[in-house]
């Protein structure tokens, strides 16, 4: 059942697995130039921790009404505890997150600053990263738990941020979910090794360039983009490839589409405030829409509209049903074949 043009996601149970990240924001106000060095002095105003990576995917799913469970690892540290608490406060099942002693929760500290009543701008980012992936036996345990609960879920979203959660063993679990008829969507970053069955892949243009050994600028040419898409579709068994293209919108290739693919212009009006986490939103909404029975083209349109909402907010934001419905009404963004009339 649709609600004001949107599918009802409340009966879809979704699992998220991958690299969860603590997004630490330090909010400041500009003060003066330093006498010690040619740098700006900032006055600390406040700070907070948000959910990034797989955790942000989970929050987007829950915000749209889908019961959501998250799997993966966090460090047995302060940031890990804060991240789990954030998820649980959003009524996300975080029982699948394993706390690992001696392993550092990936943390991105963003120093943001602005004068009063102006949009915050990122000044500096500091990444705190684990020295290596979580121990293999821990990751194997996550896979076992995810596999044991396969019948609990309608869809699986995998979120790769290069911290080692997405490996060949997890690819095998994803293949089993696909064999059981679940929607399986991978938002890739580092590897496609071992993936033998996917519903969809949702890379950005930089990731497509990396996987096909091209320069990112080359993919601005839709013919090169389509050629890259065909290469990936031939390499990884999947039904669709959704490419997020920043201010150029999105492109879709695969089942039921011509080789040239289909596209949609970027959604939303005004200037982008912060693109952080837009790919997480796109993967979440695309997976939800497919699981609800929407066509791939309609799913791209929904994912595009939701991404247009979150880039207008600071930090890793989520898109609610009400915001998505409003975005679709204001900026319908028709899906079109490249260079052809809207579908």
Foldseek 3Di string as FASTA:
>chain_A
DADLPHFQLQPFEEEEEEAKEKEKEFEWEWDQQDPVDRDTDTHTDDMDIDIAWSLLLQLQLVQANYAYEYAYEAEPDDSRVRSVVNCVVSVHHDPRYYYHYPFHRWYKYWYWYDHPPDFIDTDDIDIDHGPAADDPVRLVVSLVVCLVCLVVGQAYEYTYPPRPSDDLSNLVSLVVSVVVVHAYEYADDDDPPNNAEHAEYEYELCRLCVVQVHDSVVVVPLVVVLVSLVVVCVVHPYAKYWYQYPQQFIWMDGDPAPSSTKGWGAFEDDDFRAQRQLSSQLRSQLSSCVSSPHDSQVSSQLSRLQSRVQRNDPDSDHAHPVSSSVRCVVGVGFMGRVVGDGD
